Amino acid sequence: MYSQEKEEFFHTQLVKYGVDYQRAAQVAHILASGKPDELLSEKEIQIAEEVCREWLRQYERYKHLTSLLRENKRL
């Protein structure tokens, strides 16, 4: 089931961690649609996988940097 709120949430989170605005919008729409993988086109699956990998890489980088900053504040 599609939800505008879900789409906005996904889009915000993707952009927050460095995903291109337009690609984030496409993937947010795909994710919010709630369609099972079997009903998605190859192109939709490919872009969703690429963008989610990019998001994960950037999110892990963010977590690493914030942990380094916390450690430096303690010194």
PDB file of N, CA and C in Angstrom:
ATOM      1  N   MET A   1       0.838  -1.175   0.000  1.00  0.00           N
ATOM      2  CA  MET A   1       0.000   0.000   0.000  1.00  0.00           C
ATOM      3  C   MET A   1       0.894   1.254   0.000  1.00  0.00           C
ATOM      4  N   TYR A   2       0.619   2.148  -0.924  1.00  0.00           N
ATOM      5  CA  TYR A   2       1.388   3.386  -1.072  1.00  0.00           C
ATOM      6  C   TYR A   2       1.023   4.380   0.029  1.00  0.00           C
ATOM      7  N   SER A   3       2.022   5.096   0.491  1.00  0.00           N
ATOM      8  CA  SER A   3       1.796   6.130   1.499  1.00  0.00           C
ATOM      9  C   SER A   3       2.697   7.326   1.201  1.00  0.00           C
ATOM     10  N   GLN A   4       2.091   8.502   1.083  1.00  0.00           N
ATOM     11  CA  GLN A   4       2.854   9.729   0.838  1.00  0.00           C
ATOM     12  C   GLN A   4       3.823   9.997   1.987  1.00  0.00           C
ATOM     13  N   GLU A   5       3.385   9.733   3.212  1.00  0.00           N
ATOM     14  CA  GLU A   5       4.253   9.944   4.374  1.00  0.00           C
ATOM     15  C   GLU A   5       5.483   9.043   4.316  1.00  0.00           C
ATOM     16  N   LYS A   6       5.276   7.779   3.929  1.00  0.00           N
ATOM     17  CA  LYS A   6       6.407   6.857   3.800  1.00  0.00           C
ATOM     18  C   LYS A   6       7.375   7.351   2.733  1.00  0.00           C
ATOM     19  N   GLU A   7       6.826   7.786   1.605  1.00  0.00           N
ATOM     20  CA  GLU A   7       7.675   8.266   0.518  1.00  0.00           C
ATOM     21  C   GLU A   7       8.505   9.466   0.970  1.00  0.00           C
ATOM     22  N   GLU A   8       7.885  10.396   1.661  1.00  0.00           N
ATOM     23  CA  GLU A   8       8.611  11.569   2.154  1.00  0.00           C
ATOM     24  C   GLU A   8       9.685  11.168   3.162  1.00  0.00           C
ATOM     25  N   PHE A   9       9.371  10.215   4.029  1.00  0.00           N
ATOM     26  CA  PHE A   9      10.349   9.743   5.011  1.00  0.00           C
ATOM     27  C   PHE A   9      11.555   9.118   4.315  1.00  0.00           C
ATOM     28  N   PHE A  10      11.300   8.192   3.385  1.00  0.00           N
ATOM     29  CA  PHE A  10      12.398   7.539   2.671  1.00  0.00           C
ATOM     30  C   PHE A  10      13.238   8.564   1.917  1.00  0.00           C
ATOM     31  N   HIS A  11      12.573   9.497   1.259  1.00  0.00           N
ATOM     32  CA  HIS A  11      13.284  10.511   0.479  1.00  0.00           C
ATOM     33  C   HIS A  11      14.186  11.351   1.382  1.00  0.00           C
ATOM     34  N   THR A  12      13.647  11.787   2.500  1.00  0.00           N
ATOM     35  CA  THR A  12      14.424  12.599   3.445  1.00  0.00           C
ATOM     36  C   THR A  12      15.650  11.846   3.942  1.00  0.00           C
ATOM     37  N   GLN A  13      15.467  10.587   4.318  1.00  0.00           N
ATOM     38  CA  GLN A  13      16.587   9.803   4.838  1.00  0.00           C
ATOM     39  C   GLN A  13      17.651   9.559   3.774  1.00  0.00           C
ATOM     40  N   LEU A  14      17.236   9.290   2.559  1.00  0.00           N
ATOM     41  CA  LEU A  14      18.204   9.053   1.485  1.00  0.00           C
ATOM     42  C   LEU A  14      19.017  10.310   1.197  1.00  0.00           C
ATOM     43  N   VAL A  15      18.339  11.442   1.095  1.00  0.00           N
ATOM     44  CA  VAL A  15      19.031  12.702   0.799  1.00  0.00           C
ATOM     45  C   VAL A  15      19.916  13.115   1.974  1.00  0.00           C
ATOM     46  N   LYS A  16      19.441  12.885   3.183  1.00  0.00           N
ATOM     47  CA  LYS A  16      20.192  13.252   4.389  1.00  0.00           C
ATOM     48  C   LYS A  16      21.593  12.646   4.389  1.00  0.00           C
ATOM     49  N   TYR A  17      21.717  11.445   3.848  1.00  0.00           N
ATOM     50  CA  TYR A  17      23.017  10.772   3.844  1.00  0.00           C
ATOM     51  C   TYR A  17      23.684  10.789   2.475  1.00  0.00           C
ATOM     52  N   GLY A  18      23.366  11.796   1.668  1.00  0.00           N
ATOM     53  CA  GLY A  18      24.149  12.069   0.475  1.00  0.00           C
ATOM     54  C   GLY A  18      23.693  11.484  -0.842  1.00  0.00           C
ATOM     55  N   VAL A  19      22.519  10.888  -0.892  1.00  0.00           N
ATOM     56  CA  VAL A  19      22.015  10.358  -2.162  1.00  0.00           C
ATOM     57  C   VAL A  19      21.477  11.520  -2.994  1.00  0.00           C
ATOM     58  N   ASP A  20      21.738  11.485  -4.297  1.00  0.00           N
ATOM     59  CA  ASP A  20      21.243  12.501  -5.222  1.00  0.00           C
ATOM     60  C   ASP A  20      19.725  12.666  -5.076  1.00  0.00           C
ATOM     61  N   TYR A  21      19.270  13.910  -5.092  1.00  0.00           N
ATOM     62  CA  TYR A  21      17.867  14.238  -4.845  1.00  0.00           C
ATOM     63  C   TYR A  21      16.913  13.480  -5.773  1.00  0.00           C
ATOM     64  N   GLN A  22      17.200  13.492  -7.068  1.00  0.00           N
ATOM     65  CA  GLN A  22      16.305  12.845  -8.037  1.00  0.00           C
ATOM     66  C   GLN A  22      16.288  11.329  -7.885  1.00  0.00           C
ATOM     67  N   ARG A  23      17.470  10.747  -7.714  1.00  0.00           N
ATOM     68  CA  ARG A  23      17.538   9.286  -7.523  1.00  0.00           C
ATOM     69  C   ARG A  23      16.843   8.894  -6.221  1.00  0.00           C
ATOM     70  N   ALA A  24      17.007   9.715  -5.198  1.00  0.00           N
ATOM     71  CA  ALA A  24      16.337   9.452  -3.922  1.00  0.00           C
ATOM     72  C   ALA A  24      14.821   9.493  -4.096  1.00  0.00           C
ATOM     73  N   ALA A  25      14.334  10.431  -4.892  1.00  0.00           N
ATOM     74  CA  ALA A  25      12.893  10.534  -5.131  1.00  0.00           C
ATOM     75  C   ALA A  25      12.364   9.288  -5.835  1.00  0.00           C
ATOM     76  N   GLN A  26      13.110   8.800  -6.829  1.00  0.00           N
ATOM     77  CA  GLN A  26      12.688   7.590  -7.547  1.00  0.00           C
ATOM     78  C   GLN A  26      12.610   6.399  -6.605  1.00  0.00           C
ATOM     79  N   VAL A  27      13.653   6.223  -5.824  1.00  0.00           N
ATOM     80  CA  VAL A  27      13.709   5.060  -4.939  1.00  0.00           C
ATOM     81  C   VAL A  27      12.710   5.191  -3.793  1.00  0.00           C
ATOM     82  N   ALA A  28      12.520   6.385  -3.285  1.00  0.00           N
ATOM     83  CA  ALA A  28      11.528   6.587  -2.231  1.00  0.00           C
ATOM     84  C   ALA A  28      10.142   6.177  -2.726  1.00  0.00           C
ATOM     85  N   HIS A  29       9.841   6.512  -3.962  1.00  0.00           N
ATOM     86  CA  HIS A  29       8.549   6.128  -4.537  1.00  0.00           C
ATOM     87  C   HIS A  29       8.434   4.607  -4.649  1.00  0.00           C
ATOM     88  N   ILE A  30       9.502   3.969  -5.097  1.00  0.00           N
ATOM     89  CA  ILE A  30       9.514   2.504  -5.224  1.00  0.00           C
ATOM     90  C   ILE A  30       9.310   1.861  -3.851  1.00  0.00           C
ATOM     91  N   LEU A  31      10.065   2.323  -2.861  1.00  0.00           N
ATOM     92  CA  LEU A  31       9.964   1.739  -1.522  1.00  0.00           C
ATOM     93  C   LEU A  31       8.590   1.971  -0.907  1.00  0.00           C
ATOM     94  N   ALA A  32       8.047   3.163  -1.086  1.00  0.00           N
ATOM     95  CA  ALA A  32       6.746   3.493  -0.503  1.00  0.00           C
ATOM     96  C   ALA A  32       5.606   2.744  -1.181  1.00  0.00           C
ATOM     97  N   SER A  33       5.838   2.290  -2.405  1.00  0.00           N
ATOM     98  CA  SER A  33       4.779   1.572  -3.120  1.00  0.00           C
ATOM     99  C   SER A  33       4.442   0.250  -2.447  1.00  0.00           C
ATOM    100  N   GLY A  34       5.420  -0.321  -1.746  1.00  0.00           N
ATOM    101  CA  GLY A  34       5.176  -1.582  -1.053  1.00  0.00           C
ATOM    102  C   GLY A  34       5.055  -2.785  -1.962  1.00  0.00           C
ATOM    103  N   LYS A  35       5.403  -2.615  -3.244  1.00  0.00           N
ATOM    104  CA  LYS A  35       5.319  -3.732  -4.186  1.00  0.00           C
ATOM    105  C   LYS A  35       6.354  -4.793  -3.844  1.00  0.00           C
ATOM    106  N   PRO A  36       5.988  -6.066  -3.964  1.00  0.00           N
ATOM    107  CA  PRO A  36       7.000  -7.116  -3.794  1.00  0.00           C
ATOM    108  C   PRO A  36       7.972  -7.085  -4.975  1.00  0.00           C
ATOM    109  N   ASP A  37       9.174  -7.599  -4.761  1.00  0.00           N
ATOM    110  CA  ASP A  37      10.206  -7.587  -5.806  1.00  0.00           C
ATOM    111  C   ASP A  37       9.716  -8.184  -7.123  1.00  0.00           C
ATOM    112  N   GLU A  38       8.862  -9.179  -7.033  1.00  0.00           N
ATOM    113  CA  GLU A  38       8.379  -9.860  -8.241  1.00  0.00           C
ATOM    114  C   GLU A  38       7.598  -8.926  -9.162  1.00  0.00           C
ATOM    115  N   LEU A  39       7.040  -7.873  -8.612  1.00  0.00           N
ATOM    116  CA  LEU A  39       6.239  -6.941  -9.415  1.00  0.00           C
ATOM    117  C   LEU A  39       7.023  -5.720  -9.878  1.00  0.00           C
ATOM    118  N   LEU A  40       8.283  -5.619  -9.455  1.00  0.00           N
ATOM    119  CA  LEU A  40       9.122  -4.497  -9.874  1.00  0.00           C
ATOM    120  C   LEU A  40       9.858  -4.847 -11.157  1.00  0.00           C
ATOM    121  N   SER A  41      10.122  -3.832 -11.975  1.00  0.00           N
ATOM    122  CA  SER A  41      10.904  -4.050 -13.194  1.00  0.00           C
ATOM    123  C   SER A  41      12.374  -4.218 -12.821  1.00  0.00           C
ATOM    124  N   GLU A  42      13.144  -4.747 -13.753  1.00  0.00           N
ATOM    125  CA  GLU A  42      14.587  -4.902 -13.519  1.00  0.00           C
ATOM    126  C   GLU A  42      15.228  -3.543 -13.230  1.00  0.00           C
ATOM    127  N   LYS A  43      14.782  -2.522 -13.959  1.00  0.00           N
ATOM    128  CA  LYS A  43      15.331  -1.175 -13.769  1.00  0.00           C
ATOM    129  C   LYS A  43      15.024  -0.654 -12.364  1.00  0.00           C
ATOM    130  N   GLU A  44      13.797  -0.876 -11.886  1.00  0.00           N
ATOM    131  CA  GLU A  44      13.425  -0.437 -10.540  1.00  0.00           C
ATOM    132  C   GLU A  44      14.259  -1.152  -9.479  1.00  0.00           C
ATOM    133  N   ILE A  45      14.439  -2.444  -9.658  1.00  0.00           N
ATOM    134  CA  ILE A  45      15.247  -3.218  -8.712  1.00  0.00           C
ATOM    135  C   ILE A  45      16.683  -2.726  -8.721  1.00  0.00           C
ATOM    136  N   GLN A  46      17.224  -2.502  -9.909  1.00  0.00           N
ATOM    137  CA  GLN A  46      18.613  -2.067 -10.031  1.00  0.00           C
ATOM    138  C   GLN A  46      18.838  -0.713  -9.354  1.00  0.00           C
ATOM    139  N   ILE A  47      17.991   0.256  -9.648  1.00  0.00           N
ATOM    140  CA  ILE A  47      18.196   1.586  -9.052  1.00  0.00           C
ATOM    141  C   ILE A  47      17.993   1.539  -7.539  1.00  0.00           C
ATOM    142  N   ALA A  48      17.025   0.757  -7.075  1.00  0.00           N
ATOM    143  CA  ALA A  48      16.800   0.646  -5.629  1.00  0.00           C
ATOM    144  C   ALA A  48      18.017   0.038  -4.939  1.00  0.00           C
ATOM    145  N   GLU A  49      18.580  -1.007  -5.533  1.00  0.00           N
ATOM    146  CA  GLU A  49      19.763  -1.633  -4.944  1.00  0.00           C
ATOM    147  C   GLU A  49      20.951  -0.678  -4.937  1.00  0.00           C
ATOM    148  N   GLU A  50      21.171   0.022  -6.050  1.00  0.00           N
ATOM    149  CA  GLU A  50      22.295   0.967  -6.135  1.00  0.00           C
ATOM    150  C   GLU A  50      22.167   2.078  -5.101  1.00  0.00           C
ATOM    151  N   VAL A  51      20.991   2.662  -5.024  1.00  0.00           N
ATOM    152  CA  VAL A  51      20.772   3.788  -4.119  1.00  0.00           C
ATOM    153  C   VAL A  51      20.852   3.333  -2.662  1.00  0.00           C
ATOM    154  N   CYS A  52      20.296   2.179  -2.359  1.00  0.00           N
ATOM    155  CA  CYS A  52      20.354   1.693  -0.980  1.00  0.00           C
ATOM    156  C   CYS A  52      21.787   1.351  -0.570  1.00  0.00           C
ATOM    157  N   ARG A  53      22.579   0.819  -1.495  1.00  0.00           N
ATOM    158  CA  ARG A  53      24.000   0.569  -1.198  1.00  0.00           C
ATOM    159  C   ARG A  53      24.728   1.889  -0.947  1.00  0.00           C
ATOM    160  N   GLU A  54      24.429   2.883  -1.770  1.00  0.00           N
ATOM    161  CA  GLU A  54      25.049   4.196  -1.590  1.00  0.00           C
ATOM    162  C   GLU A  54      24.658   4.792  -0.239  1.00  0.00           C
ATOM    163  N   TRP A  55      23.362   4.695   0.098  1.00  0.00           N
ATOM    164  CA  TRP A  55      22.893   5.195   1.386  1.00  0.00           C
ATOM    165  C   TRP A  55      23.615   4.490   2.528  1.00  0.00           C
ATOM    166  N   LEU A  56      23.730   3.166   2.464  1.00  0.00           N
ATOM    167  CA  LEU A  56      24.380   2.407   3.529  1.00  0.00           C
ATOM    168  C   LEU A  56      25.844   2.810   3.683  1.00  0.00           C
ATOM    169  N   ARG A  57      26.537   2.973   2.573  1.00  0.00           N
ATOM    170  CA  ARG A  57      27.943   3.384   2.616  1.00  0.00           C
ATOM    171  C   ARG A  57      28.078   4.750   3.305  1.00  0.00           C
ATOM    172  N   GLN A  58      27.226   5.681   2.921  1.00  0.00           N
ATOM    173  CA  GLN A  58      27.282   7.025   3.507  1.00  0.00           C
ATOM    174  C   GLN A  58      26.855   7.018   4.979  1.00  0.00           C
ATOM    175  N   TYR A  59      25.876   6.197   5.321  1.00  0.00           N
ATOM    176  CA  TYR A  59      25.410   6.100   6.702  1.00  0.00           C
ATOM    177  C   TYR A  59      26.507   5.522   7.594  1.00  0.00           C
ATOM    178  N   GLU A  60      27.172   4.472   7.121  1.00  0.00           N
ATOM    179  CA  GLU A  60      28.278   3.880   7.881  1.00  0.00           C
ATOM    180  C   GLU A  60      29.405   4.895   8.061  1.00  0.00           C
ATOM    181  N   ARG A  61      29.678   5.667   7.034  1.00  0.00           N
ATOM    182  CA  ARG A  61      30.701   6.716   7.111  1.00  0.00           C
ATOM    183  C   ARG A  61      30.316   7.740   8.178  1.00  0.00           C
ATOM    184  N   TYR A  62      29.065   8.157   8.173  1.00  0.00           N
ATOM    185  CA  TYR A  62      28.565   9.113   9.158  1.00  0.00           C
ATOM    186  C   TYR A  62      28.731   8.568  10.578  1.00  0.00           C
ATOM    187  N   LYS A  63      28.332   7.308  10.791  1.00  0.00           N
ATOM    188  CA  LYS A  63      28.465   6.706  12.118  1.00  0.00           C
ATOM    189  C   LYS A  63      29.924   6.670  12.556  1.00  0.00           C
ATOM    190  N   HIS A  64      30.812   6.320  11.642  1.00  0.00           N
ATOM    191  CA  HIS A  64      32.238   6.253  11.960  1.00  0.00           C
ATOM    192  C   HIS A  64      32.766   7.636  12.348  1.00  0.00           C
ATOM    193  N   LEU A  65      32.422   8.644  11.567  1.00  0.00           N
ATOM    194  CA  LEU A  65      32.893  10.001  11.852  1.00  0.00           C
ATOM    195  C   LEU A  65      32.351  10.531  13.176  1.00  0.00           C
ATOM    196  N   THR A  66      31.090  10.271  13.462  1.00  0.00           N
ATOM    197  CA  THR A  66      30.534  10.752  14.731  1.00  0.00           C
ATOM    198  C   THR A  66      31.170  10.038  15.914  1.00  0.00           C
ATOM    199  N   SER A  67      31.520   8.772  15.758  1.00  0.00           N
ATOM    200  CA  SER A  67      32.186   8.072  16.853  1.00  0.00           C
ATOM    201  C   SER A  67      33.587   8.640  17.070  1.00  0.00           C
ATOM    202  N   LEU A  68      34.280   8.998  15.985  1.00  0.00           N
ATOM    203  CA  LEU A  68      35.598   9.621  16.122  1.00  0.00           C
ATOM    204  C   LEU A  68      35.495  10.973  16.824  1.00  0.00           C
ATOM    205  N   LEU A  69      34.480  11.736  16.480  1.00  0.00           N
ATOM    206  CA  LEU A  69      34.290  13.038  17.119  1.00  0.00           C
ATOM    207  C   LEU A  69      34.010  12.892  18.611  1.00  0.00           C
ATOM    208  N   ARG A  70      33.195  11.907  18.972  1.00  0.00           N
ATOM    209  CA  ARG A  70      32.908  11.674  20.387  1.00  0.00           C
ATOM    210  C   ARG A  70      34.175  11.301  21.146  1.00  0.00           C
ATOM    211  N   GLU A  71      35.002  10.460  20.537  1.00  0.00           N
ATOM    212  CA  GLU A  71      36.256  10.053  21.179  1.00  0.00           C
ATOM    213  C   GLU A  71      37.175  11.252  21.376  1.00  0.00           C
ATOM    214  N   ASN A  72      37.259  12.122  20.390  1.00  0.00           N
ATOM    215  CA  ASN A  72      38.122  13.302  20.492  1.00  0.00           C
ATOM    216  C   ASN A  72      37.643  14.279  21.558  1.00  0.00           C
ATOM    217  N   LYS A  73      36.345  14.362  21.774  1.00  0.00           N
ATOM    218  CA  LYS A  73      35.811  15.254  22.805  1.00  0.00           C
ATOM    219  C   LYS A  73      36.189  14.770  24.199  1.00  0.00           C
ATOM    220  N   ARG A  74      36.359  13.469  24.348  1.00  0.00           N
ATOM    221  CA  ARG A  74      36.721  12.898  25.651  1.00  0.00           C
ATOM    222  C   ARG A  74      38.182  13.145  25.999  1.00  0.00           C
ATOM    223  N   LEU A  75      39.008  13.358  24.996  1.00  0.00           N
ATOM    224  CA  LEU A  75      40.447  13.521  25.255  1.00  0.00           C
ATOM    225  C   LEU A  75      40.801  14.856  25.829  1.00  0.00           C
TER     226      LEU A  75
END
